[in-house]
N, C-alpha and C. Protein backbone atom coordinates (compact mmCIF):
# COMPACT_ATOMS: atom_id res chain seq x y z
N UNK A 1 93.31 -55.60 -23.94
CA UNK A 1 92.90 -54.73 -23.48
C UNK A 1 91.68 -54.28 -23.54
N UNK A 2 90.87 -54.05 -22.28
CA UNK A 2 89.65 -53.19 -22.48
C UNK A 2 89.51 -52.03 -23.13
N UNK A 3 88.71 -51.76 -24.13
CA UNK A 3 88.53 -50.33 -24.64
C UNK A 3 87.34 -49.53 -23.96
N UNK A 4 87.57 -48.42 -23.97
CA UNK A 4 86.30 -47.81 -23.33
C UNK A 4 85.30 -47.30 -24.66
N UNK A 5 83.77 -47.53 -24.74
CA UNK A 5 83.23 -47.13 -25.94
C UNK A 5 83.91 -45.81 -26.34
N UNK A 6 83.62 -45.47 -28.19
CA UNK A 6 84.02 -44.55 -28.51
C UNK A 6 82.97 -43.37 -28.37
N UNK A 7 81.71 -43.38 -28.09
CA UNK A 7 80.84 -42.46 -28.47
C UNK A 7 79.88 -42.19 -26.96
N UNK A 8 79.42 -41.19 -27.09
CA UNK A 8 78.76 -40.84 -25.98
C UNK A 8 78.09 -41.46 -25.85
N UNK A 9 77.57 -41.87 -25.04
CA UNK A 9 75.96 -42.73 -24.53
C UNK A 9 76.35 -43.79 -23.12
N UNK A 10 75.21 -44.22 -22.69
CA UNK A 10 75.29 -45.31 -21.61
C UNK A 10 75.37 -46.56 -22.15
N UNK A 11 76.78 -47.38 -21.32
CA UNK A 11 76.88 -48.48 -21.86
C UNK A 11 77.01 -49.49 -20.49
N UNK A 12 76.46 -50.83 -20.90
CA UNK A 12 76.51 -52.02 -19.88
C UNK A 12 77.80 -52.83 -20.67
N UNK A 13 78.85 -53.47 -19.35
CA UNK A 13 79.63 -54.38 -19.88
C UNK A 13 79.00 -55.77 -19.71
N UNK A 14 79.28 -56.69 -20.72
CA UNK A 14 78.80 -57.78 -20.77
C UNK A 14 79.81 -58.83 -21.45
N UNK A 15 80.03 -59.89 -21.01
CA UNK A 15 81.06 -60.83 -22.23
C UNK A 15 81.97 -59.96 -22.68
N UNK A 16 82.92 -59.01 -21.86
CA UNK A 16 84.21 -58.01 -22.23
C UNK A 16 83.85 -57.40 -23.49
N UNK A 17 82.62 -56.85 -23.77
CA UNK A 17 82.39 -55.70 -24.63
C UNK A 17 81.19 -55.07 -24.16
N UNK A 18 80.63 -53.69 -24.39
CA UNK A 18 80.32 -52.93 -24.33
C UNK A 18 78.56 -52.79 -24.78
N UNK A 19 77.76 -52.84 -24.36
CA UNK A 19 76.14 -52.78 -25.18
C UNK A 19 75.83 -51.44 -24.69
N UNK A 20 75.16 -50.91 -25.80
CA UNK A 20 74.57 -49.33 -26.07
C UNK A 20 73.39 -49.36 -25.29
N UNK A 21 72.70 -48.78 -24.48
CA UNK A 21 71.32 -48.80 -23.44
C UNK A 21 70.70 -47.12 -24.07
N UNK A 22 69.48 -47.74 -24.58
CA UNK A 22 68.74 -46.33 -24.93
C UNK A 22 67.73 -46.06 -24.29
N UNK A 23 67.22 -45.12 -23.55
CA UNK A 23 66.38 -45.11 -22.49
C UNK A 23 66.16 -43.37 -22.41
N UNK A 24 65.03 -42.77 -21.82
CA UNK A 24 65.17 -41.28 -21.21
C UNK A 24 66.38 -41.18 -20.54
N UNK A 25 66.63 -42.01 -19.81
CA UNK A 25 68.09 -41.69 -18.98
C UNK A 25 68.23 -43.27 -18.37
N UNK A 26 69.06 -43.81 -17.45
CA UNK A 26 69.35 -45.16 -17.39
C UNK A 26 69.22 -44.79 -15.82
N UNK A 27 68.77 -46.27 -15.04
CA UNK A 27 68.68 -46.48 -14.08
C UNK A 27 68.50 -47.78 -13.70
N UNK A 28 69.24 -48.46 -12.41
CA UNK A 28 69.19 -49.71 -12.07
C UNK A 28 68.23 -50.43 -11.99
N UNK A 29 67.22 -51.40 -12.69
CA UNK A 29 66.13 -51.79 -12.59
C UNK A 29 65.99 -53.34 -11.99
N UNK A 30 67.39 -53.84 -11.96
CA UNK A 30 67.56 -55.72 -11.42
C UNK A 30 68.33 -55.27 -10.20
N UNK A 31 68.10 -56.07 -9.06
CA UNK A 31 68.72 -56.32 -8.32
C UNK A 31 70.32 -56.58 -8.32
N UNK A 32 71.19 -56.27 -7.29
CA UNK A 32 72.56 -56.34 -7.75
C UNK A 32 73.11 -55.22 -7.07
N UNK A 33 74.64 -55.04 -7.84
CA UNK A 33 75.50 -54.05 -7.45
C UNK A 33 75.78 -53.56 -8.45
N UNK A 34 75.94 -52.17 -8.85
CA UNK A 34 76.12 -51.50 -10.28
C UNK A 34 77.41 -50.51 -9.50
N UNK A 35 78.47 -50.72 -10.55
CA UNK A 35 79.59 -49.78 -10.73
C UNK A 35 79.23 -48.69 -11.99
N UNK A 36 79.00 -47.89 -11.90
CA UNK A 36 78.92 -46.37 -12.45
C UNK A 36 79.76 -45.53 -12.97
N UNK A 37 80.64 -45.63 -14.01
CA UNK A 37 81.60 -44.60 -14.31
C UNK A 37 80.97 -43.69 -15.06
N UNK A 38 81.12 -42.59 -14.44
CA UNK A 38 80.63 -41.34 -15.42
C UNK A 38 82.24 -40.72 -15.70
N UNK A 39 81.89 -40.69 -17.19
CA UNK A 39 83.50 -39.86 -17.96
C UNK A 39 83.18 -38.75 -18.86
N UNK A 40 84.24 -38.02 -18.95
CA UNK A 40 84.07 -36.83 -20.00
C UNK A 40 84.92 -37.11 -21.04
N UNK A 41 84.73 -37.15 -22.47
CA UNK A 41 85.74 -37.04 -23.56
C UNK A 41 87.14 -36.26 -23.16
N UNK A 42 86.35 -35.26 -22.89
CA UNK A 42 87.54 -33.90 -22.93
C UNK A 42 88.30 -34.18 -21.55
N UNK A 43 88.08 -35.12 -20.80
CA UNK A 43 88.61 -35.00 -19.42
C UNK A 43 90.12 -35.92 -19.19
N UNK A 44 91.07 -35.06 -19.25
CA UNK A 44 92.30 -36.10 -18.77
C UNK A 44 92.17 -36.72 -17.44
N UNK A 45 92.12 -36.44 -16.88
CA UNK A 45 92.09 -37.30 -15.69
C UNK A 45 90.97 -38.83 -15.73
N UNK A 46 90.01 -38.59 -16.82
CA UNK A 46 88.92 -39.43 -17.14
C UNK A 46 90.34 -40.55 -17.86
N UNK A 47 90.66 -39.77 -18.72
CA UNK A 47 91.62 -40.81 -19.82
C UNK A 47 92.57 -41.36 -18.63
N UNK A 48 93.08 -40.77 -18.06
CA UNK A 48 94.19 -41.40 -17.12
C UNK A 48 93.86 -42.54 -15.89
N UNK A 49 92.23 -42.06 -15.77
CA UNK A 49 91.68 -43.31 -14.93
C UNK A 49 91.53 -44.40 -15.28
N UNK A 50 91.12 -44.29 -16.63
CA UNK A 50 90.40 -45.30 -17.42
C UNK A 50 91.91 -46.76 -17.79
N UNK A 51 92.98 -45.63 -17.95
CA UNK A 51 94.48 -46.31 -18.49
C UNK A 51 95.03 -47.17 -17.29
N UNK A 52 95.00 -46.62 -16.29
CA UNK A 52 95.98 -46.65 -15.27
C UNK A 52 94.37 -47.91 -14.35
N UNK A 53 93.52 -47.59 -14.40
CA UNK A 53 92.79 -48.07 -13.13
C UNK A 53 91.31 -49.19 -13.26
N UNK A 54 90.45 -48.46 -14.35
CA UNK A 54 89.58 -49.04 -15.02
C UNK A 54 89.50 -50.38 -15.74
N UNK A 55 90.29 -50.26 -17.18
CA UNK A 55 90.68 -51.32 -17.99
C UNK A 55 91.52 -52.31 -17.37
N UNK A 56 92.09 -51.79 -16.54
CA UNK A 56 93.14 -52.94 -15.79
C UNK A 56 91.95 -54.06 -14.63
N UNK A 57 91.23 -53.27 -14.00
CA UNK A 57 89.70 -53.66 -13.40
C UNK A 57 89.20 -54.78 -14.21
N UNK A 58 88.54 -54.24 -15.34
CA UNK A 58 87.69 -54.93 -16.02
C UNK A 58 88.40 -56.11 -16.73
N UNK A 59 89.63 -55.98 -16.57
CA UNK A 59 90.37 -57.39 -17.38
C UNK A 59 90.78 -58.49 -16.41
N UNK A 60 91.30 -57.83 -15.65
CA UNK A 60 91.59 -58.84 -14.31
C UNK A 60 90.37 -59.29 -13.04
N UNK A 61 89.57 -58.35 -13.01
CA UNK A 61 88.65 -58.48 -11.46
C UNK A 61 87.33 -58.57 -11.76
N UNK A 62 87.01 -58.44 -12.77
CA UNK A 62 85.48 -58.24 -12.80
C UNK A 62 84.85 -59.45 -12.78
N UNK A 63 85.71 -60.38 -13.30
CA UNK A 63 84.90 -61.57 -13.67
C UNK A 63 85.01 -62.53 -11.86
N UNK A 64 85.96 -61.92 -11.23
CA UNK A 64 86.04 -62.53 -10.10
C UNK A 64 84.19 -62.17 -9.10
N UNK A 65 83.23 -61.58 -9.56
CA UNK A 65 82.85 -60.86 -8.48
C UNK A 65 81.02 -61.84 -9.12
N UNK A 66 81.52 -63.30 -9.80
CA UNK A 66 80.64 -64.20 -10.63
C UNK A 66 79.29 -63.45 -11.00
N UNK A 67 79.62 -62.44 -11.85
CA UNK A 67 78.53 -62.03 -12.19
C UNK A 67 77.61 -61.40 -11.43
N UNK A 68 77.55 -60.83 -10.25
CA UNK A 68 77.21 -59.87 -8.98
C UNK A 68 77.29 -58.35 -9.37
N UNK A 69 78.34 -58.51 -10.46
CA UNK A 69 78.32 -56.78 -10.66
C UNK A 69 77.97 -56.39 -11.88
N UNK A 70 77.77 -55.48 -11.91
CA UNK A 70 76.88 -54.83 -13.07
C UNK A 70 77.98 -53.41 -13.53
N UNK A 71 78.69 -53.69 -14.51
CA UNK A 71 79.45 -52.51 -15.27
C UNK A 71 78.77 -51.36 -16.01
N UNK A 72 78.59 -50.61 -15.42
CA UNK A 72 77.98 -49.20 -16.48
C UNK A 72 78.90 -48.03 -16.48
N UNK A 73 78.83 -47.66 -18.04
CA UNK A 73 79.78 -46.22 -18.17
C UNK A 73 79.01 -45.81 -18.85
N UNK A 74 78.82 -44.33 -18.37
CA UNK A 74 78.18 -43.00 -18.84
C UNK A 74 79.46 -41.98 -19.16
N UNK A 75 79.06 -41.62 -20.93
CA UNK A 75 79.91 -40.54 -21.49
C UNK A 75 79.49 -39.50 -22.15
N UNK A 76 79.83 -38.76 -21.79
CA UNK A 76 79.84 -37.54 -22.82
C UNK A 76 80.96 -36.46 -23.15
N UNK A 77 80.70 -35.80 -23.72
CA UNK A 77 81.84 -34.53 -24.46
C UNK A 77 82.18 -33.77 -23.08
N UNK A 78 81.29 -33.12 -22.57
CA UNK A 78 81.70 -32.51 -21.13
C UNK A 78 80.63 -32.14 -20.48
N UNK A 79 80.11 -33.11 -19.86
CA UNK A 79 79.15 -33.26 -18.52
C UNK A 79 77.59 -33.08 -19.69
N UNK A 80 76.75 -32.79 -19.30
CA UNK A 80 75.41 -32.51 -19.63
C UNK A 80 75.59 -31.41 -20.83
N UNK A 81 76.50 -30.60 -20.93
CA UNK A 81 76.18 -29.29 -21.22
C UNK A 81 76.51 -29.61 -22.88
N UNK A 82 77.64 -30.84 -22.94
CA UNK A 82 77.77 -30.97 -24.59
C UNK A 82 77.67 -32.54 -24.46
N UNK A 83 76.66 -33.25 -24.97
CA UNK A 83 76.78 -34.29 -25.18
C UNK A 83 75.61 -35.13 -26.11
N UNK A 84 75.80 -35.78 -26.92
CA UNK A 84 75.11 -35.66 -27.93
C UNK A 84 74.04 -37.09 -27.84
N UNK A 85 74.09 -37.82 -26.82
CA UNK A 85 73.54 -38.64 -26.69
C UNK A 85 72.52 -38.82 -25.58
N UNK A 86 71.11 -38.26 -25.54
CA UNK A 86 70.03 -37.84 -24.82
C UNK A 86 70.08 -38.82 -23.32
N UNK A 87 70.34 -39.98 -23.96
CA UNK A 87 70.36 -40.99 -22.39
C UNK A 87 71.51 -40.82 -21.28
N UNK A 88 72.64 -40.47 -22.14
CA UNK A 88 73.65 -40.28 -21.11
C UNK A 88 73.76 -38.77 -20.73
N UNK A 89 73.10 -37.67 -21.05
CA UNK A 89 73.06 -36.11 -21.30
C UNK A 89 72.22 -36.38 -20.18
N UNK A 90 70.84 -37.17 -19.99
CA UNK A 90 69.67 -36.68 -18.64
C UNK A 90 70.23 -38.01 -17.71
N UNK A 91 71.41 -38.91 -17.54
CA UNK A 91 71.77 -39.74 -16.93
C UNK A 91 72.97 -39.09 -15.95
N UNK A 92 73.40 -38.12 -16.80
CA UNK A 92 74.51 -37.15 -15.70
C UNK A 92 73.70 -35.96 -15.18
N UNK A 93 72.29 -35.72 -15.52
CA UNK A 93 71.57 -34.70 -14.41
C UNK A 93 71.20 -35.61 -13.40
N UNK A 94 70.41 -36.67 -13.84
CA UNK A 94 69.99 -37.52 -12.53
C UNK A 94 70.55 -37.83 -11.52
N UNK A 95 71.64 -38.21 -12.04
CA UNK A 95 72.88 -38.24 -10.85
C UNK A 95 73.65 -37.10 -10.19
N UNK A 96 73.31 -35.88 -10.87
CA UNK A 96 73.91 -35.04 -10.33
C UNK A 96 75.24 -34.63 -10.49
N UNK A 97 75.74 -35.13 -11.57
CA UNK A 97 77.55 -35.58 -12.08
C UNK A 97 77.75 -34.06 -12.24
N UNK A 98 78.95 -33.79 -11.39
CA UNK A 98 79.50 -32.15 -11.47
C UNK A 98 81.08 -32.30 -11.74
N UNK A 99 81.54 -33.18 -11.38
CA UNK A 99 83.10 -34.00 -11.35
C UNK A 99 83.33 -35.03 -12.61
N UNK A 100 84.33 -34.74 -13.01
CA UNK A 100 84.98 -35.79 -13.66
C UNK A 100 86.25 -36.11 -13.34
N UNK A 101 86.37 -37.64 -13.11
CA UNK A 101 85.34 -38.86 -13.47
C UNK A 101 84.69 -39.03 -12.03
N UNK A 102 83.74 -39.21 -12.14
CA UNK A 102 82.79 -39.90 -11.13
C UNK A 102 82.48 -41.19 -11.19
N UNK A 103 82.45 -42.15 -10.10
CA UNK A 103 82.42 -43.49 -9.61
C UNK A 103 81.31 -43.44 -8.58
N UNK A 104 80.23 -44.18 -9.24
CA UNK A 104 79.27 -44.30 -8.08
C UNK A 104 78.34 -45.75 -8.14
N UNK A 105 78.79 -46.38 -7.21
CA UNK A 105 78.33 -47.77 -6.70
C UNK A 105 76.86 -47.55 -5.93
N UNK A 106 76.19 -48.30 -6.31
CA UNK A 106 74.23 -48.78 -5.85
C UNK A 106 74.39 -50.12 -5.73
N UNK A 107 73.93 -50.90 -4.49
CA UNK A 107 73.13 -51.54 -4.02
C UNK A 107 71.69 -51.39 -4.45
N UNK A 108 71.08 -52.74 -5.10
CA UNK A 108 69.44 -52.49 -5.47
C UNK A 108 69.30 -53.82 -4.93
N UNK A 109 68.07 -53.71 -4.28
CA UNK A 109 67.36 -54.85 -3.28
C UNK A 109 65.72 -54.66 -3.92
N UNK A 110 65.05 -55.57 -4.55
CA UNK A 110 63.74 -55.56 -4.67
C UNK A 110 63.51 -54.11 -5.37
N UNK A 111 64.55 -54.04 -6.41
CA UNK A 111 64.12 -52.90 -7.31
C UNK A 111 64.07 -51.57 -6.84
N UNK A 112 64.82 -51.64 -5.56
CA UNK A 112 64.94 -50.00 -4.81
C UNK A 112 66.56 -50.20 -4.66
N UNK A 113 67.21 -48.55 -4.81
CA UNK A 113 68.50 -48.27 -4.34
C UNK A 113 68.55 -48.41 -2.84
N UNK A 114 69.56 -49.24 -2.24
CA UNK A 114 69.60 -49.48 -0.48
C UNK A 114 70.44 -48.96 0.11
N UNK A 115 71.69 -48.86 -0.81
CA UNK A 115 73.17 -47.84 -0.48
C UNK A 115 73.72 -47.28 -1.56
N UNK A 116 74.55 -46.44 -1.19
CA UNK A 116 75.08 -46.16 -2.44
C UNK A 116 76.27 -44.79 -2.14
N UNK A 117 77.37 -45.26 -2.74
CA UNK A 117 78.75 -44.07 -2.68
C UNK A 117 79.22 -43.89 -3.72
N UNK A 118 79.64 -42.39 -3.56
CA UNK A 118 80.07 -41.63 -4.63
C UNK A 118 81.48 -41.33 -4.47
N UNK A 119 82.54 -41.41 -5.61
CA UNK A 119 83.79 -41.05 -5.47
C UNK A 119 83.59 -39.93 -6.70
N UNK A 120 84.42 -38.69 -6.51
CA UNK A 120 84.92 -38.00 -7.23
C UNK A 120 86.34 -37.87 -7.50
N UNK A 121 86.82 -38.07 -8.70
CA UNK A 121 87.78 -37.82 -9.09
C UNK A 121 88.39 -39.42 -9.53
N UNK A 122 89.67 -39.28 -9.95
CA UNK A 122 90.36 -40.56 -10.40
C UNK A 122 90.84 -41.41 -9.00
N UNK A 123 90.39 -42.56 -9.01
CA UNK A 123 90.90 -43.78 -8.12
C UNK A 123 92.02 -44.29 -8.68
N UNK A 124 92.77 -44.89 -7.61
CA UNK A 124 94.34 -45.41 -8.28
C UNK A 124 93.48 -47.12 -8.47
N UNK A 125 94.13 -48.00 -9.52
CA UNK A 125 93.54 -49.43 -9.35
C UNK A 125 93.37 -50.34 -7.94
N UNK A 126 94.65 -50.49 -7.14
CA UNK A 126 94.24 -50.59 -5.92
C UNK A 126 93.25 -50.08 -5.17
N UNK A 127 92.99 -48.90 -4.90
CA UNK A 127 91.84 -48.22 -4.51
C UNK A 127 90.39 -48.60 -5.03
N UNK A 128 90.35 -48.39 -6.23
CA UNK A 128 89.28 -48.72 -7.20
C UNK A 128 88.59 -50.54 -6.49
N UNK A 129 89.57 -51.16 -6.61
CA UNK A 129 89.22 -52.86 -6.36
C UNK A 129 89.34 -52.62 -4.68
N UNK A 130 89.92 -52.30 -4.01
CA UNK A 130 89.42 -52.37 -2.36
C UNK A 130 88.14 -52.01 -2.05
N UNK A 131 87.66 -50.68 -2.79
CA UNK A 131 86.07 -49.89 -2.54
C UNK A 131 84.98 -51.18 -2.81
N UNK A 132 85.04 -51.64 -4.02
CA UNK A 132 84.01 -52.73 -4.80
C UNK A 132 84.26 -53.61 -3.84
N UNK A 133 85.21 -54.53 -3.53
CA UNK A 133 85.92 -55.62 -2.44
C UNK A 133 84.63 -55.27 -1.45
N UNK A 134 84.91 -54.44 -0.75
CA UNK A 134 84.14 -54.20 0.42
C UNK A 134 83.06 -53.48 0.52
N UNK A 135 82.66 -53.14 -0.50
CA UNK A 135 81.08 -52.36 -0.42
C UNK A 135 80.08 -53.39 -0.09
N UNK A 136 79.79 -54.51 -0.39
CA UNK A 136 78.89 -55.18 0.00
C UNK A 136 78.82 -55.36 1.84
N UNK A 137 80.17 -55.49 1.79
CA UNK A 137 80.28 -55.17 3.75
C UNK A 137 79.69 -53.91 4.25
N UNK A 138 80.01 -52.91 4.07
CA UNK A 138 79.43 -51.56 4.03
C UNK A 138 78.09 -51.18 4.00
N UNK A 139 77.75 -52.13 2.64
CA UNK A 139 76.26 -51.79 2.26
C UNK A 139 75.31 -52.78 3.75
N UNK A 140 75.85 -53.99 3.96
CA UNK A 140 75.20 -54.68 5.06
C UNK A 140 75.28 -54.03 6.38
N UNK A 141 76.61 -53.50 6.77
CA UNK A 141 76.33 -52.55 7.90
C UNK A 141 75.66 -51.27 7.99
N UNK A 142 75.67 -50.80 6.99
CA UNK A 142 74.40 -49.57 6.64
C UNK A 142 73.28 -50.36 6.85
N UNK A 143 72.91 -50.96 6.57
CA UNK A 143 71.15 -51.95 6.49
C UNK A 143 70.83 -52.07 8.11
N UNK A 144 72.15 -52.87 8.76
CA UNK A 144 71.93 -53.35 10.03
C UNK A 144 71.82 -51.92 11.00
N UNK A 145 72.55 -50.99 11.05
CA UNK A 145 72.70 -49.74 11.49
C UNK A 145 71.05 -48.78 11.45
N UNK A 146 70.54 -48.83 10.17
CA UNK A 146 69.24 -48.63 9.67
C UNK A 146 68.08 -49.39 10.18
N UNK A 147 68.15 -50.69 10.73
CA UNK A 147 67.36 -51.42 11.13
C UNK A 147 67.14 -51.48 12.68
N UNK A 148 68.12 -50.89 13.30
CA UNK A 148 68.37 -50.99 14.99
C UNK A 148 67.63 -49.69 15.18
């Protein structure tokens, strides 16, 4: 089973492990689809979300996306108010996260965010998988509507 990072910080999931990112704040720089999980160490719903959905998704499903998906995990003790990591604290602030857990999915093209969705609260495993699987189609429809 994949375990969450134990410390406050911003982490990217690569090769079944977490790599800590240090910067002023985190934002997507490369093209692709980013799934960003904002979590708080003192949040019971965050722990359940991890145990019942996120870890299962990382273990069973993330590889099916052929490296098109980038998983980001942002963790503080309690939002930006209580966070021992400046990158995570500032990332909570930049993305205006005020509910936990929060999941944000962003499509980036040519270095710019072109479509995003925000989900506040815990998602079931099935809902999480469904949202991620159908995200590209929703982003495409959004782009078509915007162009017309």
